């Protein structure tokens, strides 16, 4: 069987492909990092069994999911938390434990039938959490390959998350230290807009935060002249 891993996190995607290739030497895995490369890989190889999507934020075209089984991994216990920025929306709500849901891609965002779910802890920076997620997804992909579960309809009333905007990363004067810590850590990963404060001359962006106490935390800062 041949599989495509579709991920915007290239480094983690490459590591996932390498690990799966070692675990399943009779199968072939290839990485695509955007819709263009996904279409190229699908055109190149007719015998694709599934497209696994561990980290993604764009719409998968119907021309793809109607022709090959697409399995997306979402960082909430669906149908709770359909929609964008799941990690940041969870942390901003004070949620420290969630589930990774593997579901079938269809026309409605995060509404497809569910293959399986696994527990996920949300401590640490966004990058640490993503690394943790990819390990869990590796296990889930292995289970799907080995057992070929039939996806089941989601149960319960859906709730929805709105995609966060960069302005929502701003640290406000009334924020508690705990909230500042969460704002910094939940965006501390490549390609995310870092938590920041600014004045008319400079923008201060924060990362690598350590929570010291209710009144203190340590973090690295990048200072940008406007």
N, C-alpha and C. Protein backbone atom coordinates (compact mmCIF):
# COMPACT_ATOMS: atom_id res chain seq x y z
N UNK A 1 0.84 -1.20 0.00
CA UNK A 1 0.00 0.00 0.00
C UNK A 1 0.88 1.26 0.00
N UNK A 2 0.38 2.30 -0.63
CA UNK A 2 1.08 3.58 -0.68
C UNK A 2 0.25 4.65 0.04
N UNK A 3 0.94 5.51 0.79
CA UNK A 3 0.26 6.53 1.58
C UNK A 3 0.96 7.87 1.41
N UNK A 4 0.18 8.95 1.45
CA UNK A 4 0.73 10.30 1.46
C UNK A 4 0.51 10.90 2.85
N UNK A 5 1.55 11.51 3.39
CA UNK A 5 1.44 12.29 4.62
C UNK A 5 1.41 13.76 4.21
N UNK A 6 0.32 14.44 4.53
CA UNK A 6 0.15 15.85 4.17
C UNK A 6 0.31 16.71 5.42
N UNK A 7 1.38 17.51 5.47
CA UNK A 7 1.66 18.28 6.68
C UNK A 7 2.38 19.58 6.35
N UNK A 8 1.93 20.68 6.96
CA UNK A 8 2.63 21.96 6.81
C UNK A 8 3.87 22.02 7.70
N UNK A 9 3.92 21.18 8.71
CA UNK A 9 5.11 21.09 9.56
C UNK A 9 6.08 20.12 8.88
N UNK A 10 6.94 20.66 8.03
CA UNK A 10 7.79 19.80 7.19
C UNK A 10 8.72 18.90 8.00
N UNK A 11 9.38 19.48 9.00
CA UNK A 11 10.35 18.70 9.78
C UNK A 11 9.67 17.55 10.51
N UNK A 12 8.56 17.83 11.17
CA UNK A 12 7.84 16.77 11.87
C UNK A 12 7.25 15.78 10.88
N UNK A 13 6.81 16.28 9.73
CA UNK A 13 6.28 15.39 8.69
C UNK A 13 7.34 14.44 8.17
N UNK A 14 8.55 14.95 7.95
CA UNK A 14 9.65 14.10 7.48
C UNK A 14 9.99 13.03 8.51
N UNK A 15 10.00 13.43 9.79
CA UNK A 15 10.27 12.47 10.85
C UNK A 15 9.19 11.39 10.91
N UNK A 16 7.94 11.79 10.71
CA UNK A 16 6.83 10.84 10.71
C UNK A 16 6.97 9.85 9.57
N UNK A 17 7.30 10.33 8.38
CA UNK A 17 7.49 9.45 7.22
C UNK A 17 8.61 8.45 7.48
N UNK A 18 9.71 8.93 8.05
CA UNK A 18 10.85 8.05 8.34
C UNK A 18 10.46 6.95 9.33
N UNK A 19 9.76 7.33 10.40
CA UNK A 19 9.37 6.36 11.42
C UNK A 19 8.40 5.32 10.86
N UNK A 20 7.43 5.77 10.08
CA UNK A 20 6.45 4.85 9.50
C UNK A 20 7.09 3.91 8.49
N UNK A 21 8.07 4.42 7.75
CA UNK A 21 8.77 3.58 6.77
C UNK A 21 9.53 2.46 7.46
N UNK A 22 10.12 2.76 8.61
CA UNK A 22 10.83 1.73 9.38
C UNK A 22 9.85 0.71 9.96
N UNK A 23 8.73 1.19 10.48
CA UNK A 23 7.75 0.30 11.11
C UNK A 23 7.00 -0.55 10.10
N UNK A 24 6.77 0.00 8.91
CA UNK A 24 5.97 -0.70 7.90
C UNK A 24 6.75 -0.75 6.58
N UNK A 25 7.81 -1.57 6.53
CA UNK A 25 8.68 -1.58 5.34
C UNK A 25 7.99 -2.07 4.07
N UNK A 26 6.87 -2.75 4.20
CA UNK A 26 6.17 -3.22 3.00
C UNK A 26 5.24 -2.15 2.42
N UNK A 27 5.14 -1.02 3.10
CA UNK A 27 4.32 0.09 2.62
C UNK A 27 5.23 1.26 2.22
N UNK A 28 4.71 2.13 1.37
CA UNK A 28 5.46 3.31 0.94
C UNK A 28 4.77 4.57 1.46
N UNK A 29 5.57 5.49 2.00
CA UNK A 29 5.06 6.75 2.54
C UNK A 29 5.81 7.91 1.88
N UNK A 30 5.07 8.94 1.49
CA UNK A 30 5.68 10.12 0.89
C UNK A 30 5.07 11.36 1.53
N UNK A 31 5.87 12.41 1.66
CA UNK A 31 5.42 13.65 2.31
C UNK A 31 5.03 14.69 1.27
N UNK A 32 3.89 15.35 1.50
CA UNK A 32 3.48 16.53 0.73
C UNK A 32 3.24 17.66 1.72
N UNK A 33 3.67 18.87 1.37
CA UNK A 33 3.58 20.00 2.30
C UNK A 33 2.62 21.09 1.85
N UNK A 34 1.98 20.92 0.70
CA UNK A 34 0.98 21.88 0.23
C UNK A 34 0.07 21.18 -0.78
N UNK A 35 -1.01 21.87 -1.16
CA UNK A 35 -1.97 21.25 -2.07
C UNK A 35 -1.34 20.95 -3.43
N UNK A 36 -0.41 21.79 -3.88
CA UNK A 36 0.24 21.57 -5.17
C UNK A 36 1.03 20.27 -5.16
N UNK A 37 1.87 20.08 -4.13
CA UNK A 37 2.67 18.86 -4.07
C UNK A 37 1.79 17.64 -3.82
N UNK A 38 0.67 17.83 -3.11
CA UNK A 38 -0.28 16.73 -2.91
C UNK A 38 -0.84 16.27 -4.26
N UNK A 39 -1.27 17.23 -5.08
CA UNK A 39 -1.81 16.89 -6.40
C UNK A 39 -0.75 16.23 -7.28
N UNK A 40 0.48 16.71 -7.17
CA UNK A 40 1.57 16.12 -7.95
C UNK A 40 1.82 14.67 -7.55
N UNK A 41 1.80 14.40 -6.25
CA UNK A 41 2.02 13.03 -5.78
C UNK A 41 0.87 12.12 -6.19
N UNK A 42 -0.35 12.64 -6.13
CA UNK A 42 -1.51 11.84 -6.54
C UNK A 42 -1.47 11.56 -8.04
N UNK A 43 -1.02 12.53 -8.82
CA UNK A 43 -0.92 12.32 -10.27
C UNK A 43 0.20 11.34 -10.62
N UNK A 44 1.25 11.37 -9.79
CA UNK A 44 2.41 10.52 -10.03
C UNK A 44 2.13 9.05 -9.70
N UNK A 45 1.30 8.82 -8.68
CA UNK A 45 1.07 7.48 -8.14
C UNK A 45 -0.43 7.21 -8.07
N UNK A 46 -0.88 6.20 -8.84
CA UNK A 46 -2.30 5.88 -8.88
C UNK A 46 -2.75 4.98 -7.74
N UNK A 47 -1.82 4.34 -7.08
CA UNK A 47 -2.17 3.33 -6.07
C UNK A 47 -2.05 3.89 -4.65
N UNK A 48 -2.60 5.07 -4.42
CA UNK A 48 -2.58 5.66 -3.08
C UNK A 48 -3.78 5.13 -2.30
N UNK A 49 -3.50 4.49 -1.17
CA UNK A 49 -4.57 3.93 -0.34
C UNK A 49 -5.27 5.02 0.48
N UNK A 50 -4.46 5.88 1.15
CA UNK A 50 -5.01 6.94 1.99
C UNK A 50 -4.07 8.13 2.00
N UNK A 51 -4.64 9.30 2.25
CA UNK A 51 -3.86 10.49 2.55
C UNK A 51 -4.07 10.79 4.03
N UNK A 52 -2.98 10.77 4.81
CA UNK A 52 -3.05 11.08 6.24
C UNK A 52 -2.62 12.54 6.44
N UNK A 53 -3.42 13.30 7.19
CA UNK A 53 -3.22 14.75 7.30
C UNK A 53 -3.03 15.12 8.78
N UNK A 54 -1.78 15.15 9.27
CA UNK A 54 -1.56 15.40 10.70
C UNK A 54 -1.54 16.85 11.12
N UNK A 55 -1.22 17.78 10.22
CA UNK A 55 -1.15 19.19 10.62
C UNK A 55 -1.46 20.03 9.40
N UNK A 56 -2.65 20.65 9.41
CA UNK A 56 -3.12 21.30 8.19
C UNK A 56 -4.13 22.38 8.55
N UNK A 57 -4.23 23.42 7.71
CA UNK A 57 -5.19 24.49 7.98
C UNK A 57 -5.94 24.94 6.73
N UNK A 58 -5.70 24.27 5.61
CA UNK A 58 -6.34 24.65 4.36
C UNK A 58 -7.46 23.67 4.00
N UNK A 59 -8.35 24.10 3.12
CA UNK A 59 -9.43 23.24 2.65
C UNK A 59 -8.86 22.18 1.71
N UNK A 60 -9.25 20.93 1.93
CA UNK A 60 -8.91 19.85 1.01
C UNK A 60 -9.95 19.86 -0.11
N UNK A 61 -9.55 20.01 -1.37
CA UNK A 61 -10.53 20.07 -2.46
C UNK A 61 -11.34 18.79 -2.59
N UNK A 62 -12.61 18.95 -2.96
CA UNK A 62 -13.49 17.79 -3.15
C UNK A 62 -12.95 16.85 -4.22
N UNK A 63 -12.25 17.41 -5.19
CA UNK A 63 -11.67 16.58 -6.25
C UNK A 63 -10.65 15.58 -5.72
N UNK A 64 -10.12 15.88 -4.52
CA UNK A 64 -9.16 14.96 -3.89
C UNK A 64 -9.88 13.98 -2.97
N UNK A 65 -10.66 14.49 -1.98
CA UNK A 65 -11.26 13.55 -1.01
C UNK A 65 -12.35 12.69 -1.62
N UNK A 66 -12.90 13.07 -2.77
CA UNK A 66 -13.87 12.21 -3.45
C UNK A 66 -13.22 11.07 -4.22
N UNK A 67 -11.89 11.17 -4.40
CA UNK A 67 -11.19 10.15 -5.19
C UNK A 67 -10.20 9.31 -4.38
N UNK A 68 -9.80 9.80 -3.22
CA UNK A 68 -8.92 9.02 -2.35
C UNK A 68 -9.33 9.29 -0.91
N UNK A 69 -9.26 8.27 -0.08
CA UNK A 69 -9.66 8.40 1.32
C UNK A 69 -8.68 9.31 2.05
N UNK A 70 -9.19 10.38 2.65
CA UNK A 70 -8.36 11.35 3.35
C UNK A 70 -8.71 11.31 4.84
N UNK A 71 -7.68 11.13 5.67
CA UNK A 71 -7.85 11.04 7.12
C UNK A 71 -7.14 12.23 7.76
N UNK A 72 -7.91 13.11 8.38
CA UNK A 72 -7.33 14.28 9.03
C UNK A 72 -7.33 14.07 10.54
N UNK A 73 -6.32 14.63 11.21
CA UNK A 73 -6.19 14.50 12.67
C UNK A 73 -6.46 15.86 13.29
N UNK A 74 -7.46 15.90 14.17
CA UNK A 74 -7.89 17.17 14.78
C UNK A 74 -7.68 17.10 16.28
N UNK A 75 -7.19 18.20 16.86
CA UNK A 75 -6.74 18.20 18.25
C UNK A 75 -7.86 18.52 19.24
N UNK A 76 -9.07 17.98 18.99
CA UNK A 76 -10.15 18.10 19.97
C UNK A 76 -10.95 16.80 19.98
N UNK A 77 -11.76 16.66 21.02
CA UNK A 77 -12.63 15.50 21.16
C UNK A 77 -13.93 15.78 20.38
N UNK A 78 -13.85 15.65 19.08
CA UNK A 78 -15.00 15.96 18.22
C UNK A 78 -16.23 15.16 18.61
N UNK A 79 -17.42 15.82 18.49
CA UNK A 79 -17.72 17.06 17.77
C UNK A 79 -17.46 18.36 18.54
N UNK A 80 -16.87 18.27 19.74
CA UNK A 80 -16.47 19.49 20.44
C UNK A 80 -15.27 20.11 19.74
N UNK A 81 -15.34 21.40 19.47
CA UNK A 81 -14.17 22.11 18.95
C UNK A 81 -13.92 21.97 17.48
N UNK A 82 -14.97 21.87 16.68
CA UNK A 82 -14.76 21.94 15.24
C UNK A 82 -14.26 23.33 14.87
N UNK A 83 -13.41 23.40 13.84
CA UNK A 83 -12.98 24.71 13.38
C UNK A 83 -11.50 24.97 13.57
N UNK A 84 -11.11 26.24 13.45
CA UNK A 84 -9.71 26.62 13.39
C UNK A 84 -9.04 26.82 14.74
N UNK A 85 -7.70 26.85 14.68
CA UNK A 85 -6.83 27.11 15.85
C UNK A 85 -7.22 26.26 17.06
N UNK A 86 -7.33 24.93 16.91
CA UNK A 86 -7.80 24.12 18.04
C UNK A 86 -6.90 24.20 19.26
N UNK A 87 -5.57 24.14 19.08
CA UNK A 87 -4.67 24.18 20.23
C UNK A 87 -4.84 25.47 21.01
N UNK A 88 -4.81 26.61 20.30
CA UNK A 88 -4.89 27.89 20.97
C UNK A 88 -6.26 28.10 21.61
N UNK A 89 -7.31 27.65 20.95
CA UNK A 89 -8.65 27.77 21.52
C UNK A 89 -8.81 26.90 22.77
N UNK A 90 -8.22 25.74 22.77
CA UNK A 90 -8.28 24.88 23.96
C UNK A 90 -7.55 25.52 25.14
N UNK A 91 -6.30 25.95 24.91
CA UNK A 91 -5.51 26.52 26.00
C UNK A 91 -6.14 27.80 26.51
N UNK A 92 -6.66 28.63 25.63
CA UNK A 92 -7.28 29.89 26.07
C UNK A 92 -8.53 29.65 26.91
N UNK A 93 -9.10 28.45 26.80
CA UNK A 93 -10.27 28.08 27.61
C UNK A 93 -9.87 27.34 28.88
N UNK A 94 -8.57 27.24 29.14
CA UNK A 94 -8.10 26.58 30.36
C UNK A 94 -8.15 25.07 30.31
N UNK A 95 -8.22 24.51 29.13
CA UNK A 95 -8.31 23.05 28.97
C UNK A 95 -6.90 22.46 28.89
N UNK A 96 -6.61 21.48 29.72
CA UNK A 96 -5.27 20.89 29.77
C UNK A 96 -5.21 19.46 29.24
N UNK A 97 -6.35 18.85 29.02
CA UNK A 97 -6.40 17.49 28.47
C UNK A 97 -7.42 17.47 27.33
N UNK A 98 -7.04 16.83 26.23
CA UNK A 98 -7.96 16.73 25.10
C UNK A 98 -7.76 15.37 24.44
N UNK A 99 -8.28 15.23 23.24
CA UNK A 99 -8.07 14.02 22.45
C UNK A 99 -7.68 14.40 21.03
N UNK A 100 -6.89 13.55 20.42
CA UNK A 100 -6.64 13.66 18.99
C UNK A 100 -7.66 12.77 18.30
N UNK A 101 -8.43 13.35 17.40
CA UNK A 101 -9.46 12.62 16.68
C UNK A 101 -9.01 12.40 15.24
N UNK A 102 -9.04 11.17 14.78
CA UNK A 102 -8.79 10.84 13.38
C UNK A 102 -10.15 10.71 12.70
N UNK A 103 -10.38 11.54 11.68
CA UNK A 103 -11.68 11.53 11.04
C UNK A 103 -11.55 11.61 9.52
N UNK A 104 -12.60 11.22 8.86
CA UNK A 104 -12.64 11.23 7.40
C UNK A 104 -12.97 12.64 6.90
N UNK A 105 -12.24 13.08 5.90
CA UNK A 105 -12.50 14.40 5.32
C UNK A 105 -13.75 14.35 4.45
N UNK A 106 -14.63 15.33 4.65
CA UNK A 106 -15.77 15.47 3.77
C UNK A 106 -16.03 16.96 3.51
N UNK A 107 -17.19 17.31 3.01
CA UNK A 107 -17.46 18.69 2.59
C UNK A 107 -17.57 19.66 3.76
N UNK A 108 -17.93 19.19 4.95
CA UNK A 108 -18.11 20.05 6.11
C UNK A 108 -16.88 19.98 7.01
N UNK A 109 -16.39 21.12 7.46
CA UNK A 109 -15.16 21.18 8.25
C UNK A 109 -15.29 20.37 9.54
N UNK A 110 -14.38 19.40 9.71
CA UNK A 110 -14.26 18.61 10.95
C UNK A 110 -15.54 17.87 11.32
N UNK A 111 -16.35 17.52 10.32
CA UNK A 111 -17.63 16.87 10.59
C UNK A 111 -17.66 15.42 10.11
N UNK A 112 -16.55 14.92 9.59
CA UNK A 112 -16.53 13.57 9.03
C UNK A 112 -16.63 12.48 10.08
N UNK A 113 -16.85 11.27 9.61
CA UNK A 113 -16.92 10.10 10.50
C UNK A 113 -15.56 9.84 11.15
N UNK A 114 -15.59 9.27 12.36
CA UNK A 114 -14.40 9.13 13.20
C UNK A 114 -13.85 7.70 13.15
N UNK A 115 -12.54 7.59 12.92
CA UNK A 115 -11.86 6.30 12.94
C UNK A 115 -11.49 5.90 14.36
N UNK A 116 -10.84 6.80 15.09
CA UNK A 116 -10.43 6.53 16.47
C UNK A 116 -9.99 7.83 17.12
N UNK A 117 -9.82 7.76 18.46
CA UNK A 117 -9.37 8.90 19.25
C UNK A 117 -8.29 8.45 20.23
N UNK A 118 -7.38 9.37 20.56
CA UNK A 118 -6.34 9.11 21.55
C UNK A 118 -6.19 10.32 22.48
N UNK A 119 -5.84 10.06 23.73
CA UNK A 119 -5.68 11.11 24.73
C UNK A 119 -4.46 11.98 24.43
N UNK A 120 -4.55 13.28 24.75
CA UNK A 120 -3.46 14.22 24.55
C UNK A 120 -3.38 15.21 25.70
N UNK A 121 -2.18 15.36 26.26
CA UNK A 121 -1.91 16.34 27.31
C UNK A 121 -1.42 17.64 26.66
N UNK A 122 -1.87 18.79 27.18
CA UNK A 122 -1.58 20.08 26.57
C UNK A 122 -0.58 20.93 27.36
N UNK A 123 0.26 20.31 28.17
CA UNK A 123 1.30 21.05 28.87
C UNK A 123 2.46 21.35 27.92
N UNK A 124 3.18 22.45 28.21
CA UNK A 124 4.35 22.80 27.42
C UNK A 124 4.04 23.77 26.30
N UNK A 125 5.08 24.10 25.53
CA UNK A 125 4.93 25.04 24.42
C UNK A 125 4.19 24.37 23.25
N UNK A 126 3.76 25.20 22.31
CA UNK A 126 3.07 24.67 21.14
C UNK A 126 3.95 23.67 20.40
N UNK A 127 5.25 23.96 20.26
CA UNK A 127 6.13 23.05 19.55
C UNK A 127 6.25 21.71 20.27
N UNK A 128 6.37 21.74 21.60
CA UNK A 128 6.43 20.50 22.38
C UNK A 128 5.14 19.71 22.22
N UNK A 129 4.02 20.42 22.24
CA UNK A 129 2.72 19.74 22.07
C UNK A 129 2.62 19.13 20.67
N UNK A 130 3.07 19.86 19.63
CA UNK A 130 3.02 19.31 18.29
C UNK A 130 3.89 18.06 18.16
N UNK A 131 5.05 18.08 18.79
CA UNK A 131 5.91 16.88 18.78
C UNK A 131 5.22 15.71 19.45
N UNK A 132 4.53 16.00 20.56
CA UNK A 132 3.76 14.97 21.27
C UNK A 132 2.62 14.45 20.38
N UNK A 133 1.95 15.39 19.71
CA UNK A 133 0.84 15.01 18.83
C UNK A 133 1.31 14.10 17.70
N UNK A 134 2.44 14.43 17.10
CA UNK A 134 2.93 13.62 15.98
C UNK A 134 3.27 12.20 16.41
N UNK A 135 3.76 12.03 17.64
CA UNK A 135 4.01 10.68 18.15
C UNK A 135 2.70 9.91 18.29
N UNK A 136 1.68 10.58 18.80
CA UNK A 136 0.35 9.95 18.94
C UNK A 136 -0.22 9.63 17.56
N UNK A 137 -0.07 10.56 16.63
CA UNK A 137 -0.59 10.34 15.28
C UNK A 137 0.14 9.17 14.61
N UNK A 138 1.42 9.04 14.86
CA UNK A 138 2.16 7.90 14.33
C UNK A 138 1.53 6.58 14.79
N UNK A 139 1.17 6.51 16.07
CA UNK A 139 0.51 5.32 16.60
C UNK A 139 -0.86 5.12 15.94
N UNK A 140 -1.58 6.21 15.75
CA UNK A 140 -2.92 6.13 15.18
C UNK A 140 -2.88 5.68 13.72
N UNK A 141 -1.91 6.21 12.97
CA UNK A 141 -1.76 5.79 11.58
C UNK A 141 -1.44 4.30 11.52
N UNK A 142 -0.54 3.85 12.40
CA UNK A 142 -0.21 2.43 12.45
C UNK A 142 -1.43 1.58 12.73
N UNK A 143 -2.26 2.03 13.68
CA UNK A 143 -3.47 1.28 14.02
C UNK A 143 -4.46 1.26 12.86
N UNK A 144 -4.58 2.38 12.16
CA UNK A 144 -5.50 2.43 11.02
C UNK A 144 -5.01 1.51 9.90
N UNK A 145 -3.70 1.51 9.65
CA UNK A 145 -3.14 0.64 8.62
C UNK A 145 -3.35 -0.83 8.96
N UNK A 146 -3.15 -1.16 10.22
CA UNK A 146 -3.22 -2.57 10.63
C UNK A 146 -4.64 -3.09 10.77
N UNK A 147 -5.55 -2.25 11.26
CA UNK A 147 -6.90 -2.74 11.56
C UNK A 147 -7.97 -2.27 10.58
N UNK A 148 -7.65 -1.23 9.79
CA UNK A 148 -8.59 -0.68 8.80
C UNK A 148 -9.99 -0.48 9.41
N UNK A 149 -10.09 0.33 10.48
CA UNK A 149 -11.39 0.51 11.14
C UNK A 149 -12.39 1.24 10.24
N UNK A 150 -13.66 0.91 10.39
CA UNK A 150 -14.71 1.61 9.66
C UNK A 150 -15.07 2.87 10.43
N UNK A 151 -14.96 4.04 9.81
CA UNK A 151 -15.28 5.28 10.54
C UNK A 151 -16.75 5.35 10.92
N UNK A 152 -17.00 5.91 12.11
CA UNK A 152 -18.35 6.00 12.64
C UNK A 152 -18.79 7.46 12.77
N UNK A 153 -20.09 7.74 12.58
CA UNK A 153 -20.57 9.12 12.70
C UNK A 153 -20.26 9.71 14.07
N UNK A 154 -19.99 11.02 14.10
CA UNK A 154 -19.76 11.70 15.36
C UNK A 154 -21.04 11.71 16.20
N UNK A 155 -20.84 11.66 17.52
CA UNK A 155 -21.98 11.64 18.44
C UNK A 155 -21.97 12.89 19.31
N UNK A 156 -23.14 13.49 19.47
CA UNK A 156 -23.25 14.66 20.33
C UNK A 156 -23.47 15.94 19.54
N UNK A 157 -23.73 17.01 20.29
CA UNK A 157 -23.98 18.31 19.69
C UNK A 157 -22.66 19.00 19.36
N UNK A 158 -22.46 19.45 18.13
CA UNK A 158 -21.19 20.10 17.78
C UNK A 158 -21.02 21.46 18.45
N UNK A 159 -19.80 21.77 18.82
CA UNK A 159 -19.43 23.13 19.20
C UNK A 159 -18.32 23.57 18.25
N UNK A 160 -18.15 24.88 18.09
CA UNK A 160 -17.27 25.39 17.04
C UNK A 160 -16.25 26.39 17.60
N UNK A 161 -15.04 26.31 17.05
CA UNK A 161 -13.99 27.27 17.35
C UNK A 161 -13.83 28.20 16.15
N UNK A 162 -13.53 29.48 16.43
CA UNK A 162 -13.19 30.42 15.37
C UNK A 162 -11.67 30.49 15.24
N UNK A 163 -11.20 30.58 14.01
CA UNK A 163 -9.77 30.74 13.81
C UNK A 163 -9.29 32.04 14.44
N UNK A 164 -8.20 31.96 15.20
CA UNK A 164 -7.67 33.13 15.88
C UNK A 164 -6.91 34.02 14.90
N UNK A 165 -6.88 35.31 15.20
CA UNK A 165 -6.16 36.29 14.38
C UNK A 165 -4.88 36.71 15.10
N UNK A 166 -3.87 37.23 14.39
CA UNK A 166 -2.63 37.66 15.03
C UNK A 166 -2.84 38.70 16.13
N UNK A 167 -3.83 39.58 15.99
CA UNK A 167 -4.08 40.60 17.01
C UNK A 167 -4.46 39.99 18.36
N UNK A 168 -4.98 38.77 18.34
CA UNK A 168 -5.38 38.11 19.58
C UNK A 168 -4.18 37.62 20.38
N UNK A 169 -2.98 37.73 19.78
CA UNK A 169 -1.75 37.32 20.47
C UNK A 169 -1.20 38.43 21.37
N UNK A 170 -1.83 39.58 21.36
CA UNK A 170 -1.31 40.71 22.13
C UNK A 170 -1.49 40.50 23.63
N UNK A 171 -0.44 40.78 24.39
CA UNK A 171 -0.48 40.71 25.85
C UNK A 171 -1.04 42.03 26.37
N UNK A 172 -2.09 41.95 27.17
CA UNK A 172 -2.75 43.15 27.69
C UNK A 172 -2.35 43.41 29.14
N UNK A 173 -2.46 44.66 29.55
CA UNK A 173 -2.05 45.06 30.90
C UNK A 173 -2.84 44.34 31.98
N UNK A 174 -4.11 44.01 31.69
CA UNK A 174 -4.94 43.36 32.70
C UNK A 174 -4.76 41.83 32.75
N UNK A 175 -3.95 41.28 31.86
CA UNK A 175 -3.74 39.82 31.84
C UNK A 175 -3.02 39.36 33.10
N UNK A 176 -3.42 38.22 33.62
CA UNK A 176 -2.69 37.60 34.73
C UNK A 176 -1.41 36.96 34.20
N UNK A 177 -0.49 36.64 35.10
CA UNK A 177 0.74 35.96 34.70
C UNK A 177 0.42 34.62 34.04
N UNK A 178 -0.57 33.92 34.59
CA UNK A 178 -0.97 32.64 34.01
C UNK A 178 -1.46 32.81 32.57
N UNK A 179 -2.24 33.84 32.34
CA UNK A 179 -2.74 34.10 30.99
C UNK A 179 -1.61 34.52 30.05
N UNK A 180 -0.69 35.33 30.54
CA UNK A 180 0.46 35.71 29.73
C UNK A 180 1.27 34.47 29.34
N UNK A 181 1.49 33.60 30.32
CA UNK A 181 2.23 32.36 30.06
C UNK A 181 1.53 31.54 28.99
N UNK A 182 0.23 31.40 29.10
CA UNK A 182 -0.52 30.63 28.11
C UNK A 182 -0.47 31.27 26.73
N UNK A 183 -0.58 32.59 26.68
CA UNK A 183 -0.51 33.29 25.39
C UNK A 183 0.84 33.05 24.72
N UNK A 184 1.92 33.06 25.53
CA UNK A 184 3.25 32.85 24.95
C UNK A 184 3.42 31.41 24.49
N UNK A 185 3.11 30.44 25.35
CA UNK A 185 3.41 29.05 25.02
C UNK A 185 2.54 28.48 23.91
N UNK A 186 1.30 28.94 23.81
CA UNK A 186 0.41 28.34 22.83
C UNK A 186 0.72 28.79 21.40
N UNK A 187 1.62 29.79 21.28
CA UNK A 187 2.03 30.27 19.96
C UNK A 187 3.51 30.03 19.69
N UNK A 188 4.16 29.34 20.60
CA UNK A 188 5.62 29.16 20.53
C UNK A 188 5.95 27.95 19.65
N UNK A 189 5.82 28.15 18.33
CA UNK A 189 6.12 27.13 17.33
C UNK A 189 6.34 27.83 16.00
N UNK A 190 7.08 27.21 15.08
CA UNK A 190 7.30 27.85 13.77
C UNK A 190 5.99 28.20 13.07
N UNK A 191 6.02 29.34 12.38
CA UNK A 191 4.91 29.81 11.54
C UNK A 191 3.71 30.32 12.32
N UNK A 192 3.87 30.53 13.62
CA UNK A 192 2.79 31.12 14.41
C UNK A 192 3.16 32.54 14.82
N UNK A 193 2.17 33.45 14.90
CA UNK A 193 2.46 34.82 15.33
C UNK A 193 2.69 34.85 16.84
N UNK A 194 3.89 35.17 17.27
CA UNK A 194 4.24 35.11 18.68
C UNK A 194 3.44 36.12 19.50
N UNK A 195 3.24 35.79 20.78
CA UNK A 195 2.63 36.74 21.70
C UNK A 195 3.50 37.99 21.77
N UNK A 196 2.87 39.16 21.93
CA UNK A 196 3.64 40.39 21.81
C UNK A 196 3.04 41.52 22.65
N UNK A 197 3.86 42.52 22.90
CA UNK A 197 3.40 43.85 23.33
C UNK A 197 4.09 44.84 22.41
N UNK A 198 3.57 46.05 22.32
CA UNK A 198 4.20 47.02 21.44
C UNK A 198 3.90 48.44 21.89
N UNK A 199 4.77 49.34 21.46
CA UNK A 199 4.52 50.78 21.59
C UNK A 199 4.74 51.40 20.22
N UNK A 200 4.79 52.71 20.13
CA UNK A 200 4.87 53.32 18.81
C UNK A 200 6.24 53.16 18.16
N UNK A 201 7.23 52.71 18.93
CA UNK A 201 8.58 52.56 18.40
C UNK A 201 9.00 51.10 18.20
N UNK A 202 8.53 50.19 19.09
CA UNK A 202 9.03 48.82 19.08
C UNK A 202 7.89 47.80 19.23
N UNK A 203 8.16 46.61 18.75
CA UNK A 203 7.30 45.46 18.99
C UNK A 203 8.15 44.42 19.71
N UNK A 204 7.64 43.88 20.83
CA UNK A 204 8.36 42.90 21.64
C UNK A 204 7.62 41.56 21.52
N UNK A 205 8.30 40.56 20.97
CA UNK A 205 7.70 39.24 20.77
C UNK A 205 8.35 38.23 21.71
N UNK A 206 7.51 37.38 22.33
CA UNK A 206 7.99 36.52 23.42
C UNK A 206 7.88 35.03 23.06
N UNK A 207 8.86 34.28 23.56
CA UNK A 207 8.87 32.82 23.35
C UNK A 207 9.69 32.16 24.45
N UNK A 208 9.62 30.83 24.50
CA UNK A 208 10.39 30.05 25.47
C UNK A 208 10.11 30.50 26.91
N UNK A 209 8.83 30.51 27.28
CA UNK A 209 8.42 30.98 28.60
C UNK A 209 8.51 29.88 29.65
N UNK A 210 8.89 30.27 30.84
CA UNK A 210 8.87 29.39 32.02
C UNK A 210 8.06 30.08 33.11
N UNK A 211 7.09 29.36 33.64
CA UNK A 211 6.19 29.92 34.64
C UNK A 211 6.83 29.76 36.01
N UNK A 212 7.22 30.88 36.63
CA UNK A 212 7.92 30.83 37.90
C UNK A 212 6.96 30.87 39.09
N UNK A 213 6.00 31.77 39.06
CA UNK A 213 5.06 31.92 40.17
C UNK A 213 3.85 32.68 39.66
N UNK A 214 2.92 33.01 40.58
CA UNK A 214 1.73 33.76 40.19
C UNK A 214 2.06 35.18 39.73
N UNK A 215 3.24 35.67 40.10
CA UNK A 215 3.59 37.05 39.77
C UNK A 215 4.81 37.15 38.85
N UNK A 216 5.34 36.00 38.40
CA UNK A 216 6.59 36.08 37.65
C UNK A 216 6.70 34.93 36.65
N UNK A 217 7.23 35.25 35.48
CA UNK A 217 7.64 34.23 34.51
C UNK A 217 8.87 34.75 33.79
N UNK A 218 9.63 33.83 33.22
CA UNK A 218 10.79 34.17 32.40
C UNK A 218 10.49 33.80 30.95
N UNK A 219 10.98 34.60 30.02
CA UNK A 219 10.79 34.32 28.61
C UNK A 219 11.86 35.02 27.80
N UNK A 220 12.15 34.48 26.62
CA UNK A 220 13.01 35.17 25.66
C UNK A 220 12.18 36.21 24.91
N UNK A 221 12.85 37.28 24.48
CA UNK A 221 12.14 38.34 23.77
C UNK A 221 12.90 38.71 22.50
N UNK A 222 12.15 38.94 21.43
CA UNK A 222 12.70 39.48 20.20
C UNK A 222 12.17 40.90 20.06
N UNK A 223 13.05 41.88 19.86
CA UNK A 223 12.66 43.29 19.78
C UNK A 223 12.78 43.75 18.33
N UNK A 224 11.68 44.28 17.81
CA UNK A 224 11.62 44.69 16.42
C UNK A 224 11.35 46.18 16.34
N UNK A 225 12.23 46.89 15.66
CA UNK A 225 12.05 48.32 15.47
C UNK A 225 10.99 48.55 14.39
N UNK A 226 10.02 49.40 14.69
CA UNK A 226 8.96 49.69 13.72
C UNK A 226 9.46 50.65 12.63
